[in-house]
Protein backbone atom coordinates (compact mmCIF):
# COMPACT_ATOMS: atom_id res chain seq x y z
CA MET A 1 0.00 0.00 0.00
CA ILE A 2 1.17 3.52 -0.76
CA GLU A 3 2.37 5.31 2.38
CA ALA A 4 -0.01 8.24 2.00
CA ASP A 5 -2.96 5.91 1.45
CA ARG A 6 -2.07 3.89 4.53
CA LEU A 7 -1.83 7.04 6.63
CA ALA A 8 -5.21 8.22 5.35
CA HIS A 9 -6.92 5.02 6.49
CA VAL A 10 -5.59 5.33 10.05
CA SER A 11 -5.83 9.12 10.34
CA ARG A 12 -7.79 10.61 13.23
CA TRP A 13 -9.30 13.05 10.73
CA ARG A 14 -10.63 10.33 8.44
CA PRO A 15 -14.24 10.52 9.81
CA LEU A 16 -14.38 14.31 9.37
CA PRO A 17 -16.51 15.61 6.48
CA LEU A 18 -14.68 15.95 3.19
CA ALA A 19 -15.90 19.53 2.79
CA GLU A 20 -14.07 20.63 5.95
CA LYS A 21 -10.80 18.97 5.01
CA SER A 22 -11.05 20.25 1.44
CA LEU A 23 -11.64 23.80 2.65
CA LEU A 24 -8.53 23.64 4.83
CA SER A 25 -6.25 22.01 2.25
CA LEU A 26 -7.42 23.93 -0.81
CA GLY A 27 -7.50 27.15 1.19
CA LEU A 28 -3.87 26.62 2.18
CA LEU A 29 -3.04 25.84 -1.45
CA ILE A 30 -4.59 29.11 -2.62
CA LEU A 31 -2.70 31.04 0.05
CA ALA A 32 0.55 29.33 -0.95
CA MET A 33 0.06 30.52 -4.53
CA ALA A 34 -1.27 34.00 -3.71
CA LEU A 35 0.83 35.14 -0.76
CA PRO A 36 4.49 36.16 -0.96
CA PRO A 37 6.85 33.22 -0.48
CA TRP A 38 8.15 34.86 2.67
CA PRO A 39 6.55 34.78 5.09
CA GLY A 40 3.36 33.48 3.41
CA GLY A 41 4.85 30.27 2.07
CA ALA A 42 6.61 29.53 5.34
CA LEU A 43 3.39 30.07 7.33
CA VAL A 44 1.40 27.82 4.97
CA LEU A 45 4.05 25.11 5.24
CA ALA A 46 4.01 25.36 9.03
CA ALA A 47 0.20 25.31 9.17
CA ALA A 48 -0.06 22.29 6.85
CA SER A 49 2.63 20.41 8.76
CA ALA A 50 1.04 21.19 12.13
CA SER A 51 -2.36 20.05 10.84
CA ALA A 52 -0.91 16.82 9.47
CA LEU A 53 0.80 16.04 12.77
CA ARG A 54 -2.41 16.92 14.59
CA SER A 55 -4.30 14.40 12.46
CA GLY A 56 -2.01 11.62 13.64
CA VAL A 57 0.67 11.50 10.95
CA PRO A 58 4.05 10.62 12.50
CA THR A 59 6.74 13.25 12.06
CA VAL A 60 9.11 10.86 10.27
CA ALA A 61 6.38 9.77 7.85
CA TRP A 62 5.44 13.39 7.07
CA LEU A 63 9.05 14.33 6.39
CA ARG A 64 9.44 11.25 4.21
CA LEU A 65 6.42 12.26 2.13
CA LEU A 66 7.81 15.77 1.67
CA ALA A 67 11.25 14.47 0.73
CA ALA A 68 10.30 13.00 -2.67
CA PRO A 69 8.71 16.16 -4.17
CA SER A 70 11.45 18.25 -2.55
CA LEU A 71 14.02 16.60 -4.81
CA PHE A 72 12.14 17.72 -7.92
CA ILE A 73 11.63 21.19 -6.45
CA VAL A 74 15.33 21.60 -5.67
CA THR A 75 16.27 20.39 -9.16
CA GLY A 76 13.98 22.93 -10.78
CA ALA A 77 15.07 25.76 -8.51
CA ALA A 78 18.74 25.05 -9.22
CA THR A 79 18.29 26.32 -12.78
CA LEU A 80 17.63 29.80 -11.38
CA LEU A 81 21.10 29.95 -9.87
CA VAL A 82 22.84 30.28 -13.23
CA GLN A 83 22.37 32.45 -16.31
CA VAL A 84 23.55 31.93 -19.85
CA GLY A 85 25.28 34.80 -21.62
CA GLY A 86 27.85 35.52 -24.25
CA ASP A 87 30.63 34.38 -21.91
CA GLY A 88 28.92 31.08 -21.11
CA PHE A 89 27.47 30.16 -17.74
CA ALA A 90 27.59 32.48 -14.76
CA LEU A 91 25.93 32.79 -11.39
CA ALA A 92 22.74 34.85 -11.53
CA ALA A 93 22.80 38.02 -9.48
CA ASP A 94 19.53 37.30 -7.67
CA GLY A 95 19.38 33.60 -8.45
CA GLY A 96 19.66 32.55 -4.83
CA ALA A 97 16.70 34.66 -3.73
CA GLN A 98 14.57 33.50 -6.66
CA ALA A 99 15.48 29.85 -6.08
CA GLY A 100 14.68 30.12 -2.38
CA ALA A 101 11.33 31.78 -3.07
CA LEU A 102 10.43 29.14 -5.64
CA MET A 103 11.30 26.26 -3.33
CA LEU A 104 9.38 27.77 -0.41
CA ARG A 105 6.25 28.45 -2.46
CA ALA A 106 6.30 25.04 -4.16
CA LEU A 107 6.92 23.14 -0.94
CA ALA A 108 4.09 25.01 0.76
CA ALA A 109 1.70 24.12 -2.08
CA VAL A 110 2.79 20.46 -2.00
CA SER A 111 2.31 20.27 1.76
CA ALA A 112 -1.23 21.66 1.43
CA LEU A 113 -2.17 18.93 -1.06
CA LEU A 114 -0.43 16.25 0.98
CA LEU A 115 -2.53 17.27 3.98
CA LEU A 116 -5.69 16.25 2.10
CA THR A 117 -4.00 13.07 0.85
CA VAL A 118 -2.95 11.79 4.28
CA THR A 119 -6.34 12.48 5.90
CA THR A 120 -8.75 11.29 3.18
CA PRO A 121 -8.78 7.86 1.47
CA MET A 122 -9.13 7.75 -2.29
CA ALA A 123 -12.63 6.26 -2.07
CA ALA A 124 -13.85 9.29 -0.13
CA LEU A 125 -12.23 11.67 -2.62
CA LEU A 126 -13.90 9.93 -5.54
CA HIS A 127 -17.22 9.99 -3.72
CA GLY A 128 -16.83 13.74 -3.29
CA LEU A 129 -16.00 14.18 -6.98
CA ARG A 130 -19.17 12.30 -7.90
CA ARG A 131 -21.23 14.56 -5.63
CA LEU A 132 -19.69 17.60 -7.30
CA GLY A 133 -20.95 16.34 -10.66
CA LEU A 134 -17.70 15.16 -12.22
CA PRO A 135 -18.51 12.88 -15.20
CA GLU A 136 -18.58 9.23 -14.26
CA GLU A 137 -16.08 8.40 -17.00
CA LEU A 138 -13.45 10.69 -15.50
CA VAL A 139 -14.03 9.25 -12.04
CA GLU A 140 -13.53 5.72 -13.37
CA VAL A 141 -10.37 6.73 -15.25
CA THR A 142 -9.03 8.18 -12.00
CA MET A 143 -9.85 5.01 -10.08
CA THR A 144 -8.32 2.80 -12.79
CA THR A 145 -5.12 4.86 -12.85
CA TYR A 146 -4.91 4.73 -9.07
CA ARG A 147 -5.35 0.96 -9.12
CA PHE A 148 -2.71 0.63 -11.84
CA ILE A 149 -0.19 2.37 -9.56
CA PHE A 150 -0.66 -0.44 -7.05
CA ILE A 151 -0.18 -3.03 -9.79
CA LEU A 152 3.08 -1.36 -10.81
CA LEU A 153 4.35 -1.27 -7.23
CA ASP A 154 3.38 -4.87 -6.52
CA THR A 155 4.96 -6.09 -9.75
CA ALA A 156 8.16 -4.13 -9.13
CA ALA A 157 8.40 -5.45 -5.56
CA ALA A 158 7.95 -9.06 -6.68
CA MET A 159 10.52 -8.69 -9.48
CA HIS A 160 13.02 -7.02 -7.15
CA ALA A 161 12.63 -9.78 -4.56
CA SER A 162 13.17 -12.38 -7.27
CA GLN A 163 16.33 -10.62 -8.47
CA MET A 164 17.75 -10.36 -4.95
CA ALA A 165 17.05 -14.07 -4.38
CA ARG A 166 19.15 -14.78 -7.50
CA LEU A 167 22.10 -12.69 -6.20
CA GLY A 168 21.18 -9.71 -8.35
CA GLY A 169 22.50 -7.28 -5.75
CA GLN A 170 25.97 -8.62 -5.14
CA SER A 171 27.77 -5.53 -6.44
CA TRP A 172 27.06 -2.12 -7.91
CA ARG A 173 27.46 -3.51 -11.42
CA THR A 174 24.96 -6.29 -10.87
CA ARG A 175 22.55 -3.89 -9.15
CA ILE A 176 22.63 -1.52 -12.13
CA ARG A 177 22.09 -4.45 -14.49
CA SER A 178 19.23 -5.74 -12.35
CA ALA A 179 17.61 -2.31 -12.28
CA GLY A 180 17.82 -2.10 -16.07
CA LEU A 181 16.26 -5.54 -16.51
CA LEU A 182 13.51 -4.65 -14.02
CA ALA A 183 12.71 -1.39 -15.81
CA ALA A 184 12.57 -3.17 -19.17
CA ALA A 185 10.23 -5.91 -17.99
CA LEU A 186 8.09 -3.95 -15.52
CA LEU A 187 5.61 -2.26 -17.87
CA PRO A 188 4.76 -5.34 -20.00
CA ARG A 189 4.15 -7.46 -16.90
CA ALA A 190 2.11 -4.73 -15.21
CA LEU A 191 0.00 -4.30 -18.35
CA ASP A 192 -0.56 -8.05 -18.45
CA GLN A 193 -1.76 -8.04 -14.85
CA ALA A 194 -3.99 -5.04 -15.55
CA ARG A 195 -5.51 -6.93 -18.47
CA ARG A 196 -6.18 -9.91 -16.20
CA LEU A 197 -7.83 -7.56 -13.72
CA GLU A 198 -10.07 -6.19 -16.47
CA VAL A 199 -11.05 -9.70 -17.59
CA GLY A 200 -11.85 -10.63 -14.00
CA LEU A 201 -14.07 -7.57 -13.58
CA LEU A 202 -15.91 -8.30 -16.83
CA ALA A 203 -16.49 -11.89 -15.71
CA ARG A 204 -18.14 -10.53 -12.57
CA GLY A 205 -20.53 -8.27 -14.46
CA TYR A 206 -18.53 -5.03 -14.53
CA ASP A 207 -20.62 -2.38 -16.33
CA GLY A 208 -18.08 0.46 -16.39
CA SER A 209 -18.68 1.79 -12.88
CA LEU A 210 -17.13 0.76 -9.57
CA ARG A 211 -19.26 2.11 -6.75
CA THR A 212 -17.65 2.72 -3.39
CA LEU A 213 -19.22 3.31 0.00
CA ALA A 214 -18.38 6.42 2.00
CA PRO A 215 -19.78 7.55 5.34
CA ALA A 216 -22.30 10.35 4.97
CA SER A 217 -21.27 13.24 7.23
CA ALA A 218 -22.46 16.80 6.72
CA PRO A 219 -20.02 19.64 7.41
CA ARG A 220 -20.67 21.72 10.49
CA LEU A 221 -21.10 25.43 9.97
CA GLY A 222 -19.11 26.30 13.09
CA ARG A 223 -16.06 24.36 11.99
CA MET A 224 -16.27 25.72 8.45
CA VAL A 225 -16.32 29.26 9.84
CA LEU A 226 -13.42 28.43 12.15
CA ILE A 227 -11.35 27.07 9.26
CA GLY A 228 -12.17 30.07 7.07
CA GLY A 229 -11.28 32.43 9.91
CA GLY A 230 -7.98 30.66 10.48
CA LEU A 231 -7.09 30.99 6.80
CA ALA A 232 -7.99 34.68 6.89
CA VAL A 233 -5.83 35.24 9.97
CA LEU A 234 -2.93 33.43 8.32
CA ALA A 235 -3.26 35.64 5.23
CA GLY A 236 -3.48 38.77 7.36
CA VAL A 237 -0.41 37.89 9.40
CA SER A 238 1.55 37.16 6.22
CA LEU A 239 0.63 40.47 4.60
CA TRP A 240 1.24 42.38 7.83
CA MET A 241 4.71 40.93 8.29
């Protein structure tokens, strides 16, 4: 199981209405994009992290989830540190400030989305999309893609275990070769398993729609107002500072 999905199923905020969690996460996302990176981005990142920890996410797990997108953010921000001119490459005059602002804003936006991910299972998210009127076809494509991610991970784990059992990790050279063989064979095998899954669903009367159950819980006006007020205070503090 994906780490974020596992955390969502055991989160203390899982029973809360989706509308409340969406207001908090999407509100933080909007603030991360609209407010200045400093201090707005830093405050959004702190608020999202504090909310995630409050919901029951362990600190190590939260940092681990932020680490993967951080690598892509740092790679993209590194391009702002240099400029290309007639004399070749040179350090940009304000590249450090721009790179720092970009990383802070992007990390704040990612943390806001991760907050919704680690507190709400995929079934509840899809149920909310259906209630919002998203076409059934798009919902099913989303569910199928999500399921295919699990197939890829399971197939890769089984292939890796098989390679290690055959001494495929004895040295760096054999590990690189094993990784190449795994990458070459992963997609065909995963597609074959996905095809078997489709055949199995059709044999059980699949009609193009996979219905999921989600607890019906209406948002409370008081909590919605409290969340909106907290977002407004965060925006005000950021602009005031």
